[in-house]
Amino acid sequence: MQKTSERDKIVLVRWAFSAMAHHSALKEEFNIPKSKFTKHEIAVADYVQYILGTVCFEETKNVLKYEGDEAFMKAFELLGEIAFLSLMEETAVSNALENYVIHIDPEFLRKFD
């Protein structure tokens, strides 16, 4: 995580969002063209090859050698976490996630007084 740049985070966010857009509940709302999704897949593949094969080469070899496949897969979970943390750190995103409350009926809220 320490070696993930802001550019890397953008690559991960774009890929994660375009992948989530394949969900059946989102597919019609967020129609990501196959060519654009493929572009995001390629960018993530390039990033993974760079980070594992260059930046963290020794660490990757050691994890695979001494800790095994399961520990290696944890690294990929971290990539997903980086993408989602990057999404949530964006003020516009966190505001959008909280903004629904303006649509809650005040009468509903009075039920809890």
PDB file of N, CA and C in Angstrom:
ATOM      1  N   MET A   1       0.824  -1.197   0.000  1.00  0.00           N
ATOM      2  CA  MET A   1       0.000   0.000   0.000  1.00  0.00           C
ATOM      3  C   MET A   1       0.864   1.255   0.000  1.00  0.00           C
ATOM      4  N   GLN A   2       1.991   1.191   0.695  1.00  0.00           N
ATOM      5  CA  GLN A   2       2.852   2.366   0.799  1.00  0.00           C
ATOM      6  C   GLN A   2       3.401   2.777  -0.559  1.00  0.00           C
ATOM      7  N   LYS A   3       3.493   1.846  -1.470  1.00  0.00           N
ATOM      8  CA  LYS A   3       4.104   2.130  -2.763  1.00  0.00           C
ATOM      9  C   LYS A   3       3.071   2.387  -3.860  1.00  0.00           C
ATOM     10  N   THR A   4       1.831   2.656  -3.466  1.00  0.00           N
ATOM     11  CA  THR A   4       0.772   2.930  -4.419  1.00  0.00           C
ATOM     12  C   THR A   4       0.634   4.440  -4.588  1.00  0.00           C
ATOM     13  N   SER A   5       0.847   4.910  -5.801  1.00  0.00           N
ATOM     14  CA  SER A   5       0.786   6.346  -6.084  1.00  0.00           C
ATOM     15  C   SER A   5      -0.661   6.794  -6.293  1.00  0.00           C
ATOM     16  N   GLU A   6      -0.846   8.106  -6.383  1.00  0.00           N
ATOM     17  CA  GLU A   6      -2.182   8.650  -6.673  1.00  0.00           C
ATOM     18  C   GLU A   6      -2.658   8.186  -8.044  1.00  0.00           C
ATOM     19  N   ARG A   7      -1.755   8.130  -9.008  1.00  0.00           N
ATOM     20  CA  ARG A   7      -2.119   7.633 -10.337  1.00  0.00           C
ATOM     21  C   ARG A   7      -2.568   6.177 -10.264  1.00  0.00           C
ATOM     22  N   ASP A   8      -1.866   5.376  -9.472  1.00  0.00           N
ATOM     23  CA  ASP A   8      -2.234   3.969  -9.295  1.00  0.00           C
ATOM     24  C   ASP A   8      -3.638   3.860  -8.705  1.00  0.00           C
ATOM     25  N   LYS A   9      -3.937   4.709  -7.733  1.00  0.00           N
ATOM     26  CA  LYS A   9      -5.260   4.686  -7.101  1.00  0.00           C
ATOM     27  C   LYS A   9      -6.359   5.006  -8.102  1.00  0.00           C
ATOM     28  N   ILE A  10      -6.073   5.950  -9.001  1.00  0.00           N
ATOM     29  CA  ILE A  10      -7.058   6.284 -10.035  1.00  0.00           C
ATOM     30  C   ILE A  10      -7.311   5.086 -10.940  1.00  0.00           C
ATOM     31  N   VAL A  11      -6.255   4.398 -11.314  1.00  0.00           N
ATOM     32  CA  VAL A  11      -6.387   3.191 -12.137  1.00  0.00           C
ATOM     33  C   VAL A  11      -7.257   2.165 -11.416  1.00  0.00           C
ATOM     34  N   LEU A  12      -6.999   1.960 -10.131  1.00  0.00           N
ATOM     35  CA  LEU A  12      -7.755   0.979  -9.355  1.00  0.00           C
ATOM     36  C   LEU A  12      -9.215   1.389  -9.190  1.00  0.00           C
ATOM     37  N   VAL A  13      -9.468   2.670  -8.941  1.00  0.00           N
ATOM     38  CA  VAL A  13     -10.843   3.157  -8.771  1.00  0.00           C
ATOM     39  C   VAL A  13     -11.634   2.978 -10.066  1.00  0.00           C
ATOM     40  N   ARG A  14     -11.048   3.361 -11.172  1.00  0.00           N
ATOM     41  CA  ARG A  14     -11.752   3.225 -12.462  1.00  0.00           C
ATOM     42  C   ARG A  14     -12.078   1.770 -12.762  1.00  0.00           C
ATOM     43  N   TRP A  15     -11.121   0.902 -12.510  1.00  0.00           N
ATOM     44  CA  TRP A  15     -11.338  -0.525 -12.759  1.00  0.00           C
ATOM     45  C   TRP A  15     -12.416  -1.082 -11.834  1.00  0.00           C
ATOM     46  N   ALA A  16     -12.344  -0.757 -10.536  1.00  0.00           N
ATOM     47  CA  ALA A  16     -13.325  -1.279  -9.573  1.00  0.00           C
ATOM     48  C   ALA A  16     -14.731  -0.807  -9.923  1.00  0.00           C
ATOM     49  N   PHE A  17     -14.863   0.476 -10.244  1.00  0.00           N
ATOM     50  CA  PHE A  17     -16.187   0.998 -10.578  1.00  0.00           C
ATOM     51  C   PHE A  17     -16.735   0.347 -11.836  1.00  0.00           C
ATOM     52  N   SER A  18     -15.892   0.236 -12.856  1.00  0.00           N
ATOM     53  CA  SER A  18     -16.379  -0.365 -14.106  1.00  0.00           C
ATOM     54  C   SER A  18     -16.708  -1.844 -13.917  1.00  0.00           C
ATOM     55  N   ALA A  19     -16.002  -2.512 -13.013  1.00  0.00           N
ATOM     56  CA  ALA A  19     -16.334  -3.910 -12.718  1.00  0.00           C
ATOM     57  C   ALA A  19     -17.663  -3.995 -11.963  1.00  0.00           C
ATOM     58  N   MET A  20     -17.860  -3.108 -10.980  1.00  0.00           N
ATOM     59  CA  MET A  20     -19.118  -3.112 -10.224  1.00  0.00           C
ATOM     60  C   MET A  20     -20.300  -2.775 -11.119  1.00  0.00           C
ATOM     61  N   ALA A  21     -20.081  -2.004 -12.155  1.00  0.00           N
ATOM     62  CA  ALA A  21     -21.160  -1.642 -13.079  1.00  0.00           C
ATOM     63  C   ALA A  21     -21.720  -2.858 -13.806  1.00  0.00           C
ATOM     64  N   HIS A  22     -21.032  -3.985 -13.732  1.00  0.00           N
ATOM     65  CA  HIS A  22     -21.539  -5.219 -14.333  1.00  0.00           C
ATOM     66  C   HIS A  22     -22.616  -5.886 -13.467  1.00  0.00           C
ATOM     67  N   HIS A  23     -22.781  -5.436 -12.245  1.00  0.00           N
ATOM     68  CA  HIS A  23     -23.800  -6.003 -11.364  1.00  0.00           C
ATOM     69  C   HIS A  23     -25.176  -5.833 -12.016  1.00  0.00           C
ATOM     70  N   SER A  24     -26.017  -6.841 -11.885  1.00  0.00           N
ATOM     71  CA  SER A  24     -27.322  -6.804 -12.555  1.00  0.00           C
ATOM     72  C   SER A  24     -28.161  -5.594 -12.145  1.00  0.00           C
ATOM     73  N   ALA A  25     -28.016  -5.112 -10.920  1.00  0.00           N
ATOM     74  CA  ALA A  25     -28.789  -3.957 -10.468  1.00  0.00           C
ATOM     75  C   ALA A  25     -28.245  -2.642 -11.029  1.00  0.00           C
ATOM     76  N   LEU A  26     -27.035  -2.672 -11.563  1.00  0.00           N
ATOM     77  CA  LEU A  26     -26.393  -1.445 -12.039  1.00  0.00           C
ATOM     78  C   LEU A  26     -26.199  -1.398 -13.551  1.00  0.00           C
ATOM     79  N   LYS A  27     -26.260  -2.548 -14.168  1.00  0.00           N
ATOM     80  CA  LYS A  27     -25.877  -2.674 -15.574  1.00  0.00           C
ATOM     81  C   LYS A  27     -26.584  -1.672 -16.490  1.00  0.00           C
ATOM     82  N   GLU A  28     -27.886  -1.484 -16.303  1.00  0.00           N
ATOM     83  CA  GLU A  28     -28.622  -0.557 -17.163  1.00  0.00           C
ATOM     84  C   GLU A  28     -28.336   0.902 -16.803  1.00  0.00           C
ATOM     85  N   GLU A  29     -28.067   1.159 -15.533  1.00  0.00           N
ATOM     86  CA  GLU A  29     -27.815   2.529 -15.081  1.00  0.00           C
ATOM     87  C   GLU A  29     -26.437   3.038 -15.494  1.00  0.00           C
ATOM     88  N   PHE A  30     -25.468   2.162 -15.464  1.00  0.00           N
ATOM     89  CA  PHE A  30     -24.079   2.537 -15.739  1.00  0.00           C
ATOM     90  C   PHE A  30     -23.536   1.632 -16.831  1.00  0.00           C
ATOM     91  N   ASN A  31     -23.934   1.908 -18.030  1.00  0.00           N
ATOM     92  CA  ASN A  31     -23.544   1.078 -19.162  1.00  0.00           C
ATOM     93  C   ASN A  31     -22.131   1.447 -19.609  1.00  0.00           C
ATOM     94  N   ILE A  32     -21.158   0.692 -19.117  1.00  0.00           N
ATOM     95  CA  ILE A  32     -19.748   0.920 -19.474  1.00  0.00           C
ATOM     96  C   ILE A  32     -19.467   0.101 -20.740  1.00  0.00           C
ATOM     97  N   PRO A  33     -19.103   0.761 -21.817  1.00  0.00           N
ATOM     98  CA  PRO A  33     -18.806   0.015 -23.044  1.00  0.00           C
ATOM     99  C   PRO A  33     -17.684  -1.006 -22.820  1.00  0.00           C
ATOM    100  N   LYS A  34     -17.802  -2.119 -23.497  1.00  0.00           N
ATOM    101  CA  LYS A  34     -16.803  -3.191 -23.355  1.00  0.00           C
ATOM    102  C   LYS A  34     -15.397  -2.658 -23.630  1.00  0.00           C
ATOM    103  N   SER A  35     -15.254  -1.803 -24.616  1.00  0.00           N
ATOM    104  CA  SER A  35     -13.923  -1.276 -24.945  1.00  0.00           C
ATOM    105  C   SER A  35     -13.342  -0.472 -23.783  1.00  0.00           C
ATOM    106  N   LYS A  36     -14.186   0.287 -23.081  1.00  0.00           N
ATOM    107  CA  LYS A  36     -13.712   1.075 -21.943  1.00  0.00           C
ATOM    108  C   LYS A  36     -13.366   0.152 -20.776  1.00  0.00           C
ATOM    109  N   PHE A  37     -14.207  -0.870 -20.532  1.00  0.00           N
ATOM    110  CA  PHE A  37     -13.909  -1.820 -19.460  1.00  0.00           C
ATOM    111  C   PHE A  37     -12.597  -2.540 -19.743  1.00  0.00           C
ATOM    112  N   THR A  38     -12.398  -2.953 -20.987  1.00  0.00           N
ATOM    113  CA  THR A  38     -11.151  -3.619 -21.371  1.00  0.00           C
ATOM    114  C   THR A  38      -9.965  -2.695 -21.131  1.00  0.00           C
ATOM    115  N   LYS A  39     -10.129  -1.404 -21.441  1.00  0.00           N
ATOM    116  CA  LYS A  39      -9.066  -0.419 -21.188  1.00  0.00           C
ATOM    117  C   LYS A  39      -8.711  -0.389 -19.696  1.00  0.00           C
ATOM    118  N   HIS A  40      -9.735  -0.426 -18.820  1.00  0.00           N
ATOM    119  CA  HIS A  40      -9.487  -0.424 -17.373  1.00  0.00           C
ATOM    120  C   HIS A  40      -8.836  -1.737 -16.919  1.00  0.00           C
ATOM    121  N   GLU A  41      -9.253  -2.852 -17.502  1.00  0.00           N
ATOM    122  CA  GLU A  41      -8.623  -4.144 -17.182  1.00  0.00           C
ATOM    123  C   GLU A  41      -7.140  -4.136 -17.548  1.00  0.00           C
ATOM    124  N   ILE A  42      -6.842  -3.624 -18.721  1.00  0.00           N
ATOM    125  CA  ILE A  42      -5.445  -3.568 -19.180  1.00  0.00           C
ATOM    126  C   ILE A  42      -4.622  -2.667 -18.263  1.00  0.00           C
ATOM    127  N   ALA A  43      -5.198  -1.532 -17.870  1.00  0.00           N
ATOM    128  CA  ALA A  43      -4.482  -0.611 -16.976  1.00  0.00           C
ATOM    129  C   ALA A  43      -4.181  -1.288 -15.635  1.00  0.00           C
ATOM    130  N   VAL A  44      -5.139  -2.042 -15.094  1.00  0.00           N
ATOM    131  CA  VAL A  44      -4.906  -2.741 -13.821  1.00  0.00           C
ATOM    132  C   VAL A  44      -3.892  -3.858 -14.008  1.00  0.00           C
ATOM    133  N   ALA A  45      -3.974  -4.577 -15.119  1.00  0.00           N
ATOM    134  CA  ALA A  45      -2.994  -5.637 -15.387  1.00  0.00           C
ATOM    135  C   ALA A  45      -1.589  -5.040 -15.468  1.00  0.00           C
ATOM    136  N   ASP A  46      -1.462  -3.905 -16.148  1.00  0.00           N
ATOM    137  CA  ASP A  46      -0.156  -3.232 -16.227  1.00  0.00           C
ATOM    138  C   ASP A  46       0.327  -2.830 -14.837  1.00  0.00           C
ATOM    139  N   TYR A  47      -0.592  -2.281 -14.034  1.00  0.00           N
ATOM    140  CA  TYR A  47      -0.241  -1.864 -12.672  1.00  0.00           C
ATOM    141  C   TYR A  47       0.224  -3.067 -11.844  1.00  0.00           C
ATOM    142  N   VAL A  48      -0.535  -4.168 -11.894  1.00  0.00           N
ATOM    143  CA  VAL A  48      -0.189  -5.359 -11.116  1.00  0.00           C
ATOM    144  C   VAL A  48       1.183  -5.890 -11.538  1.00  0.00           C
ATOM    145  N   GLN A  49       1.419  -5.943 -12.833  1.00  0.00           N
ATOM    146  CA  GLN A  49       2.721  -6.415 -13.313  1.00  0.00           C
ATOM    147  C   GLN A  49       3.846  -5.490 -12.847  1.00  0.00           C
ATOM    148  N   TYR A  50       3.587  -4.190 -12.874  1.00  0.00           N
ATOM    149  CA  TYR A  50       4.602  -3.230 -12.449  1.00  0.00           C
ATOM    150  C   TYR A  50       4.857  -3.337 -10.942  1.00  0.00           C
ATOM    151  N   ILE A  51       3.798  -3.338 -10.163  1.00  0.00           N
ATOM    152  CA  ILE A  51       3.971  -3.321  -8.704  1.00  0.00           C
ATOM    153  C   ILE A  51       4.573  -4.641  -8.207  1.00  0.00           C
ATOM    154  N   LEU A  52       4.100  -5.763  -8.767  1.00  0.00           N
ATOM    155  CA  LEU A  52       4.615  -7.067  -8.318  1.00  0.00           C
ATOM    156  C   LEU A  52       5.946  -7.430  -8.966  1.00  0.00           C
ATOM    157  N   GLY A  53       6.110  -7.043 -10.227  1.00  0.00           N
ATOM    158  CA  GLY A  53       7.299  -7.454 -10.959  1.00  0.00           C
ATOM    159  C   GLY A  53       8.471  -6.501 -10.870  1.00  0.00           C
ATOM    160  N   THR A  54       8.219  -5.282 -10.401  1.00  0.00           N
ATOM    161  CA  THR A  54       9.296  -4.300 -10.324  1.00  0.00           C
ATOM    162  C   THR A  54       9.400  -3.700  -8.920  1.00  0.00           C
ATOM    163  N   VAL A  55       8.389  -2.960  -8.533  1.00  0.00           N
ATOM    164  CA  VAL A  55       8.437  -2.207  -7.275  1.00  0.00           C
ATOM    165  C   VAL A  55       8.530  -3.129  -6.059  1.00  0.00           C
ATOM    166  N   CYS A  56       7.736  -4.181  -6.055  1.00  0.00           N
ATOM    167  CA  CYS A  56       7.694  -5.086  -4.889  1.00  0.00           C
ATOM    168  C   CYS A  56       8.132  -6.498  -5.270  1.00  0.00           C
ATOM    169  N   PHE A  57       9.075  -6.591  -6.201  1.00  0.00           N
ATOM    170  CA  PHE A  57       9.489  -7.897  -6.703  1.00  0.00           C
ATOM    171  C   PHE A  57       9.996  -8.822  -5.597  1.00  0.00           C
ATOM    172  N   GLU A  58      10.930  -8.347  -4.795  1.00  0.00           N
ATOM    173  CA  GLU A  58      11.491  -9.185  -3.725  1.00  0.00           C
ATOM    174  C   GLU A  58      10.425  -9.570  -2.704  1.00  0.00           C
ATOM    175  N   GLU A  59       9.584  -8.601  -2.341  1.00  0.00           N
ATOM    176  CA  GLU A  59       8.518  -8.880  -1.381  1.00  0.00           C
ATOM    177  C   GLU A  59       7.558  -9.934  -1.928  1.00  0.00           C
ATOM    178  N   THR A  60       7.233  -9.826  -3.221  1.00  0.00           N
ATOM    179  CA  THR A  60       6.332 -10.785  -3.860  1.00  0.00           C
ATOM    180  C   THR A  60       6.944 -12.178  -3.859  1.00  0.00           C
ATOM    181  N   LYS A  61       8.221 -12.267  -4.250  1.00  0.00           N
ATOM    182  CA  LYS A  61       8.910 -13.571  -4.249  1.00  0.00           C
ATOM    183  C   LYS A  61       8.915 -14.178  -2.853  1.00  0.00           C
ATOM    184  N   ASN A  62       9.211 -13.359  -1.855  1.00  0.00           N
ATOM    185  CA  ASN A  62       9.289 -13.863  -0.483  1.00  0.00           C
ATOM    186  C   ASN A  62       7.932 -14.314   0.048  1.00  0.00           C
ATOM    187  N   VAL A  63       6.899 -13.562  -0.260  1.00  0.00           N
ATOM    188  CA  VAL A  63       5.558 -13.967   0.181  1.00  0.00           C
ATOM    189  C   VAL A  63       5.199 -15.309  -0.436  1.00  0.00           C
ATOM    190  N   LEU A  64       5.416 -15.433  -1.740  1.00  0.00           N
ATOM    191  CA  LEU A  64       5.088 -16.699  -2.409  1.00  0.00           C
ATOM    192  C   LEU A  64       5.938 -17.856  -1.870  1.00  0.00           C
ATOM    193  N   LYS A  65       7.198 -17.594  -1.630  1.00  0.00           N
ATOM    194  CA  LYS A  65       8.109 -18.646  -1.180  1.00  0.00           C
ATOM    195  C   LYS A  65       7.852 -19.052   0.265  1.00  0.00           C
ATOM    196  N   TYR A  66       7.676 -18.075   1.157  1.00  0.00           N
ATOM    197  CA  TYR A  66       7.627 -18.376   2.588  1.00  0.00           C
ATOM    198  C   TYR A  66       6.221 -18.391   3.186  1.00  0.00           C
ATOM    199  N   GLU A  67       5.266 -17.700   2.539  1.00  0.00           N
ATOM    200  CA  GLU A  67       3.937 -17.609   3.129  1.00  0.00           C
ATOM    201  C   GLU A  67       2.853 -18.269   2.284  1.00  0.00           C
ATOM    202  N   GLY A  68       3.126 -18.500   1.022  1.00  0.00           N
ATOM    203  CA  GLY A  68       2.202 -19.236   0.172  1.00  0.00           C
ATOM    204  C   GLY A  68       1.175 -18.392  -0.560  1.00  0.00           C
ATOM    205  N   ASP A  69       0.342 -19.136  -1.304  1.00  0.00           N
ATOM    206  CA  ASP A  69      -0.654 -18.509  -2.173  1.00  0.00           C
ATOM    207  C   ASP A  69      -1.682 -17.686  -1.399  1.00  0.00           C
ATOM    208  N   GLU A  70      -2.074 -18.167  -0.241  1.00  0.00           N
ATOM    209  CA  GLU A  70      -3.111 -17.462   0.522  1.00  0.00           C
ATOM    210  C   GLU A  70      -2.641 -16.062   0.927  1.00  0.00           C
ATOM    211  N   ALA A  71      -1.424 -15.959   1.383  1.00  0.00           N
ATOM    212  CA  ALA A  71      -0.877 -14.646   1.747  1.00  0.00           C
ATOM    213  C   ALA A  71      -0.748 -13.772   0.507  1.00  0.00           C
ATOM    214  N   PHE A  72      -0.382 -14.373  -0.611  1.00  0.00           N
ATOM    215  CA  PHE A  72      -0.277 -13.638  -1.863  1.00  0.00           C
ATOM    216  C   PHE A  72      -1.634 -13.070  -2.269  1.00  0.00           C
ATOM    217  N   MET A  73      -2.684 -13.857  -2.100  1.00  0.00           N
ATOM    218  CA  MET A  73      -4.029 -13.397  -2.454  1.00  0.00           C
ATOM    219  C   MET A  73      -4.485 -12.254  -1.552  1.00  0.00           C
ATOM    220  N   LYS A  74      -3.985 -12.209  -0.335  1.00  0.00           N
ATOM    221  CA  LYS A  74      -4.304 -11.095   0.568  1.00  0.00           C
ATOM    222  C   LYS A  74      -3.841  -9.765  -0.034  1.00  0.00           C
ATOM    223  N   ALA A  75      -2.740  -9.809  -0.775  1.00  0.00           N
ATOM    224  CA  ALA A  75      -2.239  -8.594  -1.424  1.00  0.00           C
ATOM    225  C   ALA A  75      -3.268  -8.064  -2.417  1.00  0.00           C
ATOM    226  N   PHE A  76      -3.946  -8.959  -3.108  1.00  0.00           N
ATOM    227  CA  PHE A  76      -4.960  -8.523  -4.060  1.00  0.00           C
ATOM    228  C   PHE A  76      -6.187  -7.965  -3.351  1.00  0.00           C
ATOM    229  N   GLU A  77      -6.487  -8.496  -2.181  1.00  0.00           N
ATOM    230  CA  GLU A  77      -7.565  -7.918  -1.377  1.00  0.00           C
ATOM    231  C   GLU A  77      -7.205  -6.481  -0.998  1.00  0.00           C
ATOM    232  N   LEU A  78      -5.946  -6.260  -0.695  1.00  0.00           N
ATOM    233  CA  LEU A  78      -5.491  -4.907  -0.365  1.00  0.00           C
ATOM    234  C   LEU A  78      -5.676  -3.948  -1.536  1.00  0.00           C
ATOM    235  N   LEU A  79      -5.488  -4.435  -2.756  1.00  0.00           N
ATOM    236  CA  LEU A  79      -5.697  -3.582  -3.922  1.00  0.00           C
ATOM    237  C   LEU A  79      -7.149  -3.132  -3.992  1.00  0.00           C
ATOM    238  N   GLY A  80      -8.064  -4.031  -3.703  1.00  0.00           N
ATOM    239  CA  GLY A  80      -9.481  -3.673  -3.667  1.00  0.00           C
ATOM    240  C   GLY A  80      -9.758  -2.664  -2.574  1.00  0.00           C
ATOM    241  N   GLU A  81      -9.135  -2.873  -1.425  1.00  0.00           N
ATOM    242  CA  GLU A  81      -9.307  -1.927  -0.316  1.00  0.00           C
ATOM    243  C   GLU A  81      -8.777  -0.548  -0.689  1.00  0.00           C
ATOM    244  N   ILE A  82      -7.654  -0.514  -1.368  1.00  0.00           N
ATOM    245  CA  ILE A  82      -7.097   0.771  -1.808  1.00  0.00           C
ATOM    246  C   ILE A  82      -8.091   1.482  -2.725  1.00  0.00           C
ATOM    247  N   ALA A  83      -8.680   0.737  -3.645  1.00  0.00           N
ATOM    248  CA  ALA A  83      -9.645   1.340  -4.566  1.00  0.00           C
ATOM    249  C   ALA A  83     -10.826   1.929  -3.808  1.00  0.00           C
ATOM    250  N   PHE A  84     -11.371   1.164  -2.857  1.00  0.00           N
ATOM    251  CA  PHE A  84     -12.536   1.641  -2.125  1.00  0.00           C
ATOM    252  C   PHE A  84     -12.190   2.766  -1.160  1.00  0.00           C
ATOM    253  N   LEU A  85     -11.033   2.700  -0.538  1.00  0.00           N
ATOM    254  CA  LEU A  85     -10.601   3.806   0.325  1.00  0.00           C
ATOM    255  C   LEU A  85     -10.417   5.079  -0.487  1.00  0.00           C
ATOM    256  N   SER A  86      -9.866   4.946  -1.680  1.00  0.00           N
ATOM    257  CA  SER A  86      -9.687   6.098  -2.552  1.00  0.00           C
ATOM    258  C   SER A  86     -11.033   6.700  -2.933  1.00  0.00           C
ATOM    259  N   LEU A  87     -11.999   5.846  -3.192  1.00  0.00           N
ATOM    260  CA  LEU A  87     -13.348   6.342  -3.480  1.00  0.00           C
ATOM    261  C   LEU A  87     -13.905   7.122  -2.298  1.00  0.00           C
ATOM    262  N   MET A  88     -13.798   6.559  -1.113  1.00  0.00           N
ATOM    263  CA  MET A  88     -14.390   7.155   0.075  1.00  0.00           C
ATOM    264  C   MET A  88     -13.657   8.416   0.530  1.00  0.00           C
ATOM    265  N   GLU A  89     -12.385   8.537   0.216  1.00  0.00           N
ATOM    266  CA  GLU A  89     -11.612   9.722   0.605  1.00  0.00           C
ATOM    267  C   GLU A  89     -12.022  10.955  -0.190  1.00  0.00           C
ATOM    268  N   GLU A  90     -12.603  10.736  -1.343  1.00  0.00           N
ATOM    269  CA  GLU A  90     -13.034  11.843  -2.185  1.00  0.00           C
ATOM    270  C   GLU A  90     -14.244  12.521  -1.544  1.00  0.00           C
ATOM    271  N   THR A  91     -14.128  13.792  -1.247  1.00  0.00           N
ATOM    272  CA  THR A  91     -15.184  14.534  -0.556  1.00  0.00           C
ATOM    273  C   THR A  91     -16.509  14.458  -1.301  1.00  0.00           C
ATOM    274  N   ALA A  92     -16.471  14.589  -2.610  1.00  0.00           N
ATOM    275  CA  ALA A  92     -17.704  14.555  -3.395  1.00  0.00           C
ATOM    276  C   ALA A  92     -18.422  13.214  -3.247  1.00  0.00           C
ATOM    277  N   VAL A  93     -17.659  12.129  -3.140  1.00  0.00           N
ATOM    278  CA  VAL A  93     -18.257  10.801  -2.978  1.00  0.00           C
ATOM    279  C   VAL A  93     -18.864  10.655  -1.591  1.00  0.00           C
ATOM    280  N   SER A  94     -18.121  11.025  -0.559  1.00  0.00           N
ATOM    281  CA  SER A  94     -18.668  10.889   0.793  1.00  0.00           C
ATOM    282  C   SER A  94     -19.886  11.791   0.976  1.00  0.00           C
ATOM    283  N   ASN A  95     -19.859  12.982   0.388  1.00  0.00           N
ATOM    284  CA  ASN A  95     -21.036  13.854   0.454  1.00  0.00           C
ATOM    285  C   ASN A  95     -22.230  13.222  -0.263  1.00  0.00           C
ATOM    286  N   ALA A  96     -21.977  12.638  -1.415  1.00  0.00           N
ATOM    287  CA  ALA A  96     -23.056  11.998  -2.167  1.00  0.00           C
ATOM    288  C   ALA A  96     -23.648  10.827  -1.393  1.00  0.00           C
ATOM    289  N   LEU A  97     -22.814  10.092  -0.672  1.00  0.00           N
ATOM    290  CA  LEU A  97     -23.312   8.961   0.115  1.00  0.00           C
ATOM    291  C   LEU A  97     -24.134   9.407   1.324  1.00  0.00           C
ATOM    292  N   GLU A  98     -23.876  10.604   1.805  1.00  0.00           N
ATOM    293  CA  GLU A  98     -24.597  11.108   2.977  1.00  0.00           C
ATOM    294  C   GLU A  98     -25.810  11.950   2.598  1.00  0.00           C
ATOM    295  N   ASN A  99     -25.881  12.412   1.385  1.00  0.00           N
ATOM    296  CA  ASN A  99     -26.889  13.379   0.959  1.00  0.00           C
ATOM    297  C   ASN A  99     -28.321  12.830   0.947  1.00  0.00           C
ATOM    298  N   TYR A 100     -28.486  11.515   0.936  1.00  0.00           N
ATOM    299  CA  TYR A 100     -29.830  10.932   0.888  1.00  0.00           C
ATOM    300  C   TYR A 100     -30.704  11.405   2.040  1.00  0.00           C
ATOM    301  N   VAL A 101     -30.079  11.783   3.164  1.00  0.00           N
ATOM    302  CA  VAL A 101     -30.863  12.149   4.355  1.00  0.00           C
ATOM    303  C   VAL A 101     -31.775  13.344   4.124  1.00  0.00           C
ATOM    304  N   ILE A 102     -31.445  14.188   3.150  1.00  0.00           N
ATOM    305  CA  ILE A 102     -32.319  15.335   2.892  1.00  0.00           C
ATOM    306  C   ILE A 102     -33.668  14.894   2.324  1.00  0.00           C
ATOM    307  N   HIS A 103     -33.762  13.658   1.891  1.00  0.00           N
ATOM    308  CA  HIS A 103     -34.993  13.130   1.301  1.00  0.00           C
ATOM    309  C   HIS A 103     -35.827  12.320   2.304  1.00  0.00           C
ATOM    310  N   ILE A 104     -35.344  12.205   3.515  1.00  0.00           N
ATOM    311  CA  ILE A 104     -36.102  11.471   4.539  1.00  0.00           C
ATOM    312  C   ILE A 104     -37.187  12.387   5.092  1.00  0.00           C
ATOM    313  N   ASP A 105     -38.381  11.863   5.152  1.00  0.00           N
ATOM    314  CA  ASP A 105     -39.537  12.604   5.649  1.00  0.00           C
ATOM    315  C   ASP A 105     -39.342  12.939   7.133  1.00  0.00           C
ATOM    316  N   PRO A 106     -39.428  14.224   7.494  1.00  0.00           N
ATOM    317  CA  PRO A 106     -39.271  14.618   8.903  1.00  0.00           C
ATOM    318  C   PRO A 106     -40.279  13.925   9.825  1.00  0.00           C
ATOM    319  N   GLU A 107     -41.457  13.613   9.292  1.00  0.00           N
ATOM    320  CA  GLU A 107     -42.462  12.903  10.096  1.00  0.00           C
ATOM    321  C   GLU A 107     -41.959  11.510  10.482  1.00  0.00           C
ATOM    322  N   PHE A 108     -41.255  10.896   9.583  1.00  0.00           N
ATOM    323  CA  PHE A 108     -40.674   9.576   9.872  1.00  0.00           C
ATOM    324  C   PHE A 108     -39.692   9.690  11.046  1.00  0.00           C
ATOM    325  N   LEU A 109     -38.838  10.717  11.009  1.00  0.00           N
ATOM    326  CA  LEU A 109     -37.852  10.887  12.065  1.00  0.00           C
ATOM    327  C   LEU A 109     -38.482  11.168  13.428  1.00  0.00           C
ATOM    328  N   ARG A 110     -39.652  11.807  13.444  1.00  0.00           N
ATOM    329  CA  ARG A 110     -40.331  12.104  14.713  1.00  0.00           C
ATOM    330  C   ARG A 110     -40.802  10.841  15.420  1.00  0.00           C
ATOM    331  N   LYS A 111     -40.927   9.749  14.697  1.00  0.00           N
ATOM    332  CA  LYS A 111     -41.325   8.477  15.305  1.00  0.00           C
ATOM    333  C   LYS A 111     -40.337   8.037  16.376  1.00  0.00           C
ATOM    334  N   PHE A 112     -39.104   8.514  16.267  1.00  0.00           N
ATOM    335  CA  PHE A 112     -38.051   8.057  17.176  1.00  0.00           C
ATOM    336  C   PHE A 112     -37.814   8.986  18.360  1.00  0.00           C
ATOM    337  N   ASP A 113     -38.619  10.047  18.466  1.00  0.00           N
ATOM    338  CA  ASP A 113     -38.502  10.966  19.613  1.00  0.00           C
ATOM    339  C   ASP A 113     -39.020  10.326  20.889  1.00  0.00           C
TER     340      ASP A 113
END
